[in-house]
Amino acid sequence: MRTTITLEPDVEALVRRAMNTRRLSFKAAVNEAIRMGLAGTPARRPERTRTFRMGFEPAIPWDKALRLAAELEDEELIRRLVSRK
C-alpha cells in the first residue's frame, strides 16, 4: 500500500539513524519501526537480583510484624478494660 505520512523532526531523525546504523532503505526503516511499535518489542528476560543469607536471625519475626502488632494492641486493650473495673 502506498500512502503519505508526515513525520515530525525527531521521528525523522530516529528513522534516519536506523537507516544509517542498519543500512536500511527509508521504506524498510519505517516499516520496521512500525512493526516493532505495534507488535511490541521482543520479550526480554526479567532481571533477577541474587539474594544471600546474612546469617542474622532476629528475635522478632519481621515477616509477621503486623500480626505481632495486632496481638500487642489486643493485649493492651484487654489490660485497659480489666483495669477499669
PDB file of N, CA and C in Angstrom:
ATOM      1  N   MET A   1       0.853  -1.164   0.000  1.00  0.00           N
ATOM      2  CA  MET A   1       0.000   0.000   0.000  1.00  0.00           C
ATOM      3  C   MET A   1       0.901   1.229   0.000  1.00  0.00           C
ATOM      4  N   ARG A   2       0.557   2.183  -0.788  1.00  0.00           N
ATOM      5  CA  ARG A   2       1.323   3.414  -0.863  1.00  0.00           C
ATOM      6  C   ARG A   2       0.510   4.509  -0.192  1.00  0.00           C
ATOM      7  N   THR A   3       1.157   5.236   0.728  1.00  0.00           N
ATOM      8  CA  THR A   3       0.476   6.316   1.433  1.00  0.00           C
ATOM      9  C   THR A   3       1.487   7.396   1.777  1.00  0.00           C
ATOM     10  N   THR A   4       0.983   8.554   2.116  1.00  0.00           N
ATOM     11  CA  THR A   4       1.852   9.662   2.501  1.00  0.00           C
ATOM     12  C   THR A   4       1.691   9.908   3.992  1.00  0.00           C
ATOM     13  N   ILE A   5       2.828  10.030   4.691  1.00  0.00           N
ATOM     14  CA  ILE A   5       2.785  10.344   6.115  1.00  0.00           C
ATOM     15  C   ILE A   5       3.679  11.557   6.363  1.00  0.00           C
ATOM     16  N   THR A   6       3.366  12.281   7.410  1.00  0.00           N
ATOM     17  CA  THR A   6       4.188  13.421   7.807  1.00  0.00           C
ATOM     18  C   THR A   6       4.891  13.055   9.104  1.00  0.00           C
ATOM     19  N   LEU A   7       6.212  13.052   9.067  1.00  0.00           N
ATOM     20  CA  LEU A   7       6.997  12.725  10.251  1.00  0.00           C
ATOM     21  C   LEU A   7       7.436  14.000  10.938  1.00  0.00           C
ATOM     22  N   GLU A   8       7.375  13.978  12.240  1.00  0.00           N
ATOM     23  CA  GLU A   8       7.897  15.099  12.999  1.00  0.00           C
ATOM     24  C   GLU A   8       9.423  15.019  12.963  1.00  0.00           C
ATOM     25  N   PRO A   9      10.111  16.149  13.170  1.00  0.00           N
ATOM     26  CA  PRO A   9      11.567  16.166  13.024  1.00  0.00           C
ATOM     27  C   PRO A   9      12.307  15.144  13.892  1.00  0.00           C
ATOM     28  N   ASP A  10      11.857  14.945  15.127  1.00  0.00           N
ATOM     29  CA  ASP A  10      12.555  13.973  15.984  1.00  0.00           C
ATOM     30  C   ASP A  10      12.358  12.548  15.495  1.00  0.00           C
ATOM     31  N   VAL A  11      11.176  12.251  14.951  1.00  0.00           N
ATOM     32  CA  VAL A  11      10.907  10.916  14.418  1.00  0.00           C
ATOM     33  C   VAL A  11      11.722  10.692  13.153  1.00  0.00           C
ATOM     34  N   GLU A  12      11.811  11.707  12.327  1.00  0.00           N
ATOM     35  CA  GLU A  12      12.619  11.590  11.109  1.00  0.00           C
ATOM     36  C   GLU A  12      14.080  11.305  11.466  1.00  0.00           C
ATOM     37  N   ALA A  13      14.580  11.973  12.500  1.00  0.00           N
ATOM     38  CA  ALA A  13      15.960  11.749  12.921  1.00  0.00           C
ATOM     39  C   ALA A  13      16.153  10.308  13.379  1.00  0.00           C
ATOM     40  N   LEU A  14      15.175   9.770  14.082  1.00  0.00           N
ATOM     41  CA  LEU A  14      15.271   8.378  14.518  1.00  0.00           C
ATOM     42  C   LEU A  14      15.274   7.415  13.335  1.00  0.00           C
ATOM     43  N   VAL A  15      14.423   7.693  12.353  1.00  0.00           N
ATOM     44  CA  VAL A  15      14.370   6.840  11.162  1.00  0.00           C
ATOM     45  C   VAL A  15      15.684   6.937  10.394  1.00  0.00           C
ATOM     46  N   ARG A  16      16.201   8.142  10.243  1.00  0.00           N
ATOM     47  CA  ARG A  16      17.480   8.319   9.530  1.00  0.00           C
ATOM     48  C   ARG A  16      18.606   7.594  10.259  1.00  0.00           C
ATOM     49  N   ARG A  17      18.600   7.658  11.586  1.00  0.00           N
ATOM     50  CA  ARG A  17      19.631   6.965  12.362  1.00  0.00           C
ATOM     51  C   ARG A  17      19.538   5.460  12.145  1.00  0.00           C
ATOM     52  N   ALA A  18      18.304   4.916  12.149  1.00  0.00           N
ATOM     53  CA  ALA A  18      18.115   3.487  11.890  1.00  0.00           C
ATOM     54  C   ALA A  18      18.574   3.125  10.484  1.00  0.00           C
ATOM     55  N   MET A  19      18.327   4.016   9.541  1.00  0.00           N
ATOM     56  CA  MET A  19      18.775   3.777   8.166  1.00  0.00           C
ATOM     57  C   MET A  19      20.293   3.663   8.107  1.00  0.00           C
ATOM     58  N   ASN A  20      20.981   4.553   8.801  1.00  0.00           N
ATOM     59  CA  ASN A  20      22.442   4.567   8.756  1.00  0.00           C
ATOM     60  C   ASN A  20      23.058   3.397   9.513  1.00  0.00           C
ATOM     61  N   THR A  21      22.548   3.111  10.708  1.00  0.00           N
ATOM     62  CA  THR A  21      23.169   2.069  11.521  1.00  0.00           C
ATOM     63  C   THR A  21      22.855   0.671  11.006  1.00  0.00           C
ATOM     64  N   ARG A  22      21.662   0.471  10.449  1.00  0.00           N
ATOM     65  CA  ARG A  22      21.276  -0.863   9.975  1.00  0.00           C
ATOM     66  C   ARG A  22      21.364  -1.002   8.463  1.00  0.00           C
ATOM     67  N   ARG A  23      21.771   0.089   7.801  1.00  0.00           N
ATOM     68  CA  ARG A  23      21.880   0.096   6.329  1.00  0.00           C
ATOM     69  C   ARG A  23      20.570  -0.338   5.677  1.00  0.00           C
ATOM     70  N   LEU A  24      19.493   0.351   6.071  1.00  0.00           N
ATOM     71  CA  LEU A  24      18.158   0.075   5.546  1.00  0.00           C
ATOM     72  C   LEU A  24      17.723   1.205   4.640  1.00  0.00           C
ATOM     73  N   SER A  25      16.777   0.900   3.772  1.00  0.00           N
ATOM     74  CA  SER A  25      16.147   1.964   2.994  1.00  0.00           C
ATOM     75  C   SER A  25      15.166   2.701   3.898  1.00  0.00           C
ATOM     76  N   PHE A  26      14.719   3.876   3.462  1.00  0.00           N
ATOM     77  CA  PHE A  26      13.751   4.642   4.243  1.00  0.00           C
ATOM     78  C   PHE A  26      12.501   3.804   4.471  1.00  0.00           C
ATOM     79  N   LYS A  27      12.022   3.161   3.417  1.00  0.00           N
ATOM     80  CA  LYS A  27      10.822   2.335   3.499  1.00  0.00           C
ATOM     81  C   LYS A  27      11.002   1.195   4.511  1.00  0.00           C
ATOM     82  N   ALA A  28      12.127   0.506   4.459  1.00  0.00           N
ATOM     83  CA  ALA A  28      12.375  -0.614   5.363  1.00  0.00           C
ATOM     84  C   ALA A  28      12.485  -0.126   6.814  1.00  0.00           C
ATOM     85  N   ALA A  29      13.139   1.004   7.022  1.00  0.00           N
ATOM     86  CA  ALA A  29      13.296   1.536   8.379  1.00  0.00           C
ATOM     87  C   ALA A  29      11.946   1.916   8.973  1.00  0.00           C
ATOM     88  N   VAL A  30      11.103   2.575   8.197  1.00  0.00           N
ATOM     89  CA  VAL A  30       9.774   2.963   8.683  1.00  0.00           C
ATOM     90  C   VAL A  30       8.927   1.731   8.958  1.00  0.00           C
ATOM     91  N   ASN A  31       8.938   0.761   8.048  1.00  0.00           N
ATOM     92  CA  ASN A  31       8.152  -0.462   8.259  1.00  0.00           C
ATOM     93  C   ASN A  31       8.623  -1.214   9.501  1.00  0.00           C
ATOM     94  N   GLU A  32       9.932  -1.308   9.690  1.00  0.00           N
ATOM     95  CA  GLU A  32      10.467  -1.997  10.874  1.00  0.00           C
ATOM     96  C   GLU A  32      10.057  -1.281  12.153  1.00  0.00           C
ATOM     97  N   ALA A  33      10.128   0.046  12.150  1.00  0.00           N
ATOM     98  CA  ALA A  33       9.754   0.816  13.328  1.00  0.00           C
ATOM     99  C   ALA A  33       8.274   0.641  13.658  1.00  0.00           C
ATOM    100  N   ILE A  34       7.449   0.648  12.639  1.00  0.00           N
ATOM    101  CA  ILE A  34       6.006   0.471  12.862  1.00  0.00           C
ATOM    102  C   ILE A  34       5.722  -0.930  13.384  1.00  0.00           C
ATOM    103  N   ARG A  35       6.360  -1.942  12.785  1.00  0.00           N
ATOM    104  CA  ARG A  35       6.152  -3.312  13.260  1.00  0.00           C
ATOM    105  C   ARG A  35       6.553  -3.460  14.727  1.00  0.00           C
ATOM    106  N   MET A  36       7.734  -2.939  15.070  1.00  0.00           N
ATOM    107  CA  MET A  36       8.204  -3.056  16.451  1.00  0.00           C
ATOM    108  C   MET A  36       7.287  -2.299  17.406  1.00  0.00           C
ATOM    109  N   GLY A  37       6.811  -1.149  16.991  1.00  0.00           N
ATOM    110  CA  GLY A  37       5.958  -0.352  17.856  1.00  0.00           C
ATOM    111  C   GLY A  37       4.585  -0.951  18.069  1.00  0.00           C
ATOM    112  N   LEU A  38       4.018  -1.520  17.025  1.00  0.00           N
ATOM    113  CA  LEU A  38       2.667  -2.071  17.133  1.00  0.00           C
ATOM    114  C   LEU A  38       2.651  -3.504  17.632  1.00  0.00           C
ATOM    115  N   ALA A  39       3.662  -4.273  17.296  1.00  0.00           N
ATOM    116  CA  ALA A  39       3.703  -5.669  17.726  1.00  0.00           C
ATOM    117  C   ALA A  39       4.357  -5.797  19.089  1.00  0.00           C
ATOM    118  N   GLY A  40       5.072  -4.786  19.507  1.00  0.00           N
ATOM    119  CA  GLY A  40       5.792  -4.868  20.778  1.00  0.00           C
ATOM    120  C   GLY A  40       7.203  -5.351  20.535  1.00  0.00           C
ATOM    121  N   THR A  41       8.077  -4.904  21.350  1.00  0.00           N
ATOM    122  CA  THR A  41       9.464  -5.334  21.223  1.00  0.00           C
ATOM    123  C   THR A  41       9.588  -6.767  21.712  1.00  0.00           C
ATOM    124  N   PRO A  42      10.573  -7.480  21.263  1.00  0.00           N
ATOM    125  CA  PRO A  42      10.734  -8.857  21.717  1.00  0.00           C
ATOM    126  C   PRO A  42      10.839  -8.912  23.234  1.00  0.00           C
ATOM    127  N   ALA A  43      10.246  -9.926  23.800  1.00  0.00           N
ATOM    128  CA  ALA A  43      10.229 -10.063  25.263  1.00  0.00           C
ATOM    129  C   ALA A  43      11.649 -10.259  25.775  1.00  0.00           C
ATOM    130  N   ARG A  44      11.992  -9.477  26.780  1.00  0.00           N
ATOM    131  CA  ARG A  44      13.293  -9.641  27.415  1.00  0.00           C
ATOM    132  C   ARG A  44      13.105 -10.462  28.667  1.00  0.00           C
ATOM    133  N   ARG A  45      14.152 -11.165  29.027  1.00  0.00           N
ATOM    134  CA  ARG A  45      14.092 -11.916  30.274  1.00  0.00           C
ATOM    135  C   ARG A  45      14.029 -10.931  31.424  1.00  0.00           C
ATOM    136  N   PRO A  46      13.194 -11.216  32.422  1.00  0.00           N
ATOM    137  CA  PRO A  46      13.136 -10.307  33.566  1.00  0.00           C
ATOM    138  C   PRO A  46      14.463 -10.320  34.310  1.00  0.00           C
ATOM    139  N   GLU A  47      14.824  -9.172  34.827  1.00  0.00           N
ATOM    140  CA  GLU A  47      16.055  -9.089  35.589  1.00  0.00           C
ATOM    141  C   GLU A  47      15.870  -9.789  36.925  1.00  0.00           C
ATOM    142  N   ARG A  48      16.906 -10.466  37.353  1.00  0.00           N
ATOM    143  CA  ARG A  48      16.851 -11.178  38.626  1.00  0.00           C
ATOM    144  C   ARG A  48      17.940 -10.631  39.531  1.00  0.00           C
ATOM    145  N   THR A  49      17.578 -10.415  40.763  1.00  0.00           N
ATOM    146  CA  THR A  49      18.536  -9.965  41.761  1.00  0.00           C
ATOM    147  C   THR A  49      18.873 -11.139  42.657  1.00  0.00           C
ATOM    148  N   ARG A  50      20.144 -11.443  42.749  1.00  0.00           N
ATOM    149  CA  ARG A  50      20.567 -12.546  43.605  1.00  0.00           C
ATOM    150  C   ARG A  50      20.472 -12.110  45.064  1.00  0.00           C
ATOM    151  N   THR A  51      20.009 -13.010  45.890  1.00  0.00           N
ATOM    152  CA  THR A  51      19.906 -12.729  47.327  1.00  0.00           C
ATOM    153  C   THR A  51      20.836 -13.666  48.087  1.00  0.00           C
ATOM    154  N   PHE A  52      21.251 -13.229  49.236  1.00  0.00           N
ATOM    155  CA  PHE A  52      22.161 -14.012  50.057  1.00  0.00           C
ATOM    156  C   PHE A  52      21.678 -13.992  51.502  1.00  0.00           C
ATOM    157  N   ARG A  53      21.857 -15.095  52.198  1.00  0.00           N
ATOM    158  CA  ARG A  53      21.530 -15.137  53.613  1.00  0.00           C
ATOM    159  C   ARG A  53      22.615 -14.384  54.366  1.00  0.00           C
ATOM    160  N   MET A  54      22.201 -13.532  55.267  1.00  0.00           N
ATOM    161  CA  MET A  54      23.147 -12.719  56.008  1.00  0.00           C
ATOM    162  C   MET A  54      23.528 -13.357  57.343  1.00  0.00           C
ATOM    163  N   GLY A  55      22.854 -14.441  57.721  1.00  0.00           N
ATOM    164  CA  GLY A  55      23.204 -15.135  58.946  1.00  0.00           C
ATOM    165  C   GLY A  55      22.568 -14.542  60.189  1.00  0.00           C
ATOM    166  N   PHE A  56      21.778 -13.517  60.062  1.00  0.00           N
ATOM    167  CA  PHE A  56      21.155 -12.862  61.207  1.00  0.00           C
ATOM    168  C   PHE A  56      19.760 -13.422  61.411  1.00  0.00           C
ATOM    169  N   GLU A  57      19.499 -13.915  62.602  1.00  0.00           N
ATOM    170  CA  GLU A  57      18.176 -14.426  62.946  1.00  0.00           C
ATOM    171  C   GLU A  57      17.575 -13.520  64.006  1.00  0.00           C
ATOM    172  N   PRO A  58      16.708 -12.600  63.653  1.00  0.00           N
ATOM    173  CA  PRO A  58      16.158 -11.666  64.638  1.00  0.00           C
ATOM    174  C   PRO A  58      15.243 -12.367  65.642  1.00  0.00           C
ATOM    175  N   ALA A  59      15.164 -11.795  66.822  1.00  0.00           N
ATOM    176  CA  ALA A  59      14.289 -12.349  67.861  1.00  0.00           C
ATOM    177  C   ALA A  59      12.825 -12.133  67.497  1.00  0.00           C
ATOM    178  N   ILE A  60      12.558 -11.087  66.747  1.00  0.00           N
ATOM    179  CA  ILE A  60      11.193 -10.781  66.309  1.00  0.00           C
ATOM    180  C   ILE A  60      11.071 -11.184  64.845  1.00  0.00           C
ATOM    181  N   PRO A  61      10.077 -12.011  64.527  1.00  0.00           N
ATOM    182  CA  PRO A  61       9.909 -12.393  63.125  1.00  0.00           C
ATOM    183  C   PRO A  61       9.304 -11.220  62.331  1.00  0.00           C
ATOM    184  N   TRP A  62      10.130 -10.476  61.610  1.00  0.00           N
ATOM    185  CA  TRP A  62       9.667  -9.264  60.927  1.00  0.00           C
ATOM    186  C   TRP A  62       8.661  -9.557  59.821  1.00  0.00           C
ATOM    187  N   ASP A  63       8.651 -10.758  59.293  1.00  0.00           N
ATOM    188  CA  ASP A  63       7.653 -11.076  58.272  1.00  0.00           C
ATOM    189  C   ASP A  63       6.266 -11.255  58.882  1.00  0.00           C
ATOM    190  N   LYS A  64       6.195 -11.313  60.203  1.00  0.00           N
ATOM    191  CA  LYS A  64       4.908 -11.418  60.897  1.00  0.00           C
ATOM    192  C   LYS A  64       4.660 -10.180  61.757  1.00  0.00           C
ATOM    193  N   ALA A  65       5.236  -9.057  61.402  1.00  0.00           N
ATOM    194  CA  ALA A  65       5.190  -7.849  62.224  1.00  0.00           C
ATOM    195  C   ALA A  65       3.768  -7.328  62.408  1.00  0.00           C
ATOM    196  N   LEU A  66       2.943  -7.356  61.383  1.00  0.00           N
ATOM    197  CA  LEU A  66       1.567  -6.849  61.522  1.00  0.00           C
ATOM    198  C   LEU A  66       0.758  -7.709  62.487  1.00  0.00           C
ATOM    199  N   ARG A  67       0.938  -9.021  62.409  1.00  0.00           N
ATOM    200  CA  ARG A  67       0.226  -9.897  63.344  1.00  0.00           C
ATOM    201  C   ARG A  67       0.686  -9.643  64.773  1.00  0.00           C
ATOM    202  N   LEU A  68       2.000  -9.483  64.943  1.00  0.00           N
ATOM    203  CA  LEU A  68       2.551  -9.208  66.268  1.00  0.00           C
ATOM    204  C   LEU A  68       2.003  -7.886  66.816  1.00  0.00           C
ATOM    205  N   ALA A  69       1.938  -6.861  65.973  1.00  0.00           N
ATOM    206  CA  ALA A  69       1.413  -5.561  66.400  1.00  0.00           C
ATOM    207  C   ALA A  69      -0.056  -5.677  66.813  1.00  0.00           C
ATOM    208  N   ALA A  70      -0.824  -6.440  66.058  1.00  0.00           N
ATOM    209  CA  ALA A  70      -2.236  -6.623  66.396  1.00  0.00           C
ATOM    210  C   ALA A  70      -2.391  -7.339  67.734  1.00  0.00           C
ATOM    211  N   GLU A  71      -1.565  -8.358  67.964  1.00  0.00           N
ATOM    212  CA  GLU A  71      -1.639  -9.086  69.236  1.00  0.00           C
ATOM    213  C   GLU A  71      -1.270  -8.171  70.409  1.00  0.00           C
ATOM    214  N   LEU A  72      -0.233  -7.368  70.255  1.00  0.00           N
ATOM    215  CA  LEU A  72       0.157  -6.440  71.319  1.00  0.00           C
ATOM    216  C   LEU A  72      -0.933  -5.409  71.585  1.00  0.00           C
ATOM    217  N   GLU A  73      -1.563  -4.942  70.518  1.00  0.00           N
ATOM    218  CA  GLU A  73      -2.649  -3.977  70.679  1.00  0.00           C
ATOM    219  C   GLU A  73      -3.830  -4.613  71.406  1.00  0.00           C
ATOM    220  N   ASP A  74      -4.160  -5.845  71.053  1.00  0.00           N
ATOM    221  CA  ASP A  74      -5.251  -6.553  71.726  1.00  0.00           C
ATOM    222  C   ASP A  74      -4.957  -6.722  73.214  1.00  0.00           C
ATOM    223  N   GLU A  75      -3.713  -7.109  73.528  1.00  0.00           N
ATOM    224  CA  GLU A  75      -3.337  -7.285  74.937  1.00  0.00           C
ATOM    225  C   GLU A  75      -3.462  -5.966  75.704  1.00  0.00           C
ATOM    226  N   GLU A  76      -3.058  -4.869  75.092  1.00  0.00           N
ATOM    227  CA  GLU A  76      -3.157  -3.561  75.746  1.00  0.00           C
ATOM    228  C   GLU A  76      -4.615  -3.168  75.968  1.00  0.00           C
ATOM    229  N   LEU A  77      -5.478  -3.405  74.985  1.00  0.00           N
ATOM    230  CA  LEU A  77      -6.902  -3.092  75.147  1.00  0.00           C
ATOM    231  C   LEU A  77      -7.513  -3.922  76.271  1.00  0.00           C
ATOM    232  N   ILE A  78      -7.162  -5.213  76.328  1.00  0.00           N
ATOM    233  CA  ILE A  78      -7.678  -6.072  77.400  1.00  0.00           C
ATOM    234  C   ILE A  78      -7.193  -5.578  78.744  1.00  0.00           C
ATOM    235  N   ARG A  79      -5.921  -5.214  78.855  1.00  0.00           N
ATOM    236  CA  ARG A  79      -5.375  -4.704  80.105  1.00  0.00           C
ATOM    237  C   ARG A  79      -6.108  -3.442  80.551  1.00  0.00           C
ATOM    238  N   ARG A  80      -6.400  -2.532  79.625  1.00  0.00           N
ATOM    239  CA  ARG A  80      -7.115  -1.288  79.984  1.00  0.00           C
ATOM    240  C   ARG A  80      -8.542  -1.580  80.435  1.00  0.00           C
ATOM    241  N   LEU A  81      -9.209  -2.510  79.743  1.00  0.00           N
ATOM    242  CA  LEU A  81     -10.579  -2.838  80.121  1.00  0.00           C
ATOM    243  C   LEU A  81     -10.628  -3.491  81.493  1.00  0.00           C
ATOM    244  N   VAL A  82      -9.669  -4.357  81.789  1.00  0.00           N
ATOM    245  CA  VAL A  82      -9.626  -5.032  83.093  1.00  0.00           C
ATOM    246  C   VAL A  82      -9.327  -4.031  84.196  1.00  0.00           C
ATOM    247  N   SER A  83      -8.463  -3.076  83.957  1.00  0.00           N
ATOM    248  CA  SER A  83      -8.082  -2.122  84.998  1.00  0.00           C
ATOM    249  C   SER A  83      -9.204  -1.115  85.291  1.00  0.00           C
ATOM    250  N   ARG A  84     -10.186  -0.953  84.447  1.00  0.00           N
ATOM    251  CA  ARG A  84     -11.331  -0.049  84.699  1.00  0.00           C
ATOM    252  C   ARG A  84     -12.251  -0.598  85.770  1.00  0.00           C
ATOM    253  N   LYS A  85     -12.361  -1.886  85.873  1.00  0.00           N
ATOM    254  CA  LYS A  85     -13.336  -2.499  86.798  1.00  0.00           C
ATOM    255  C   LYS A  85     -12.916  -2.417  88.208  1.00  0.00           C
TER     256      LYS A  85
END
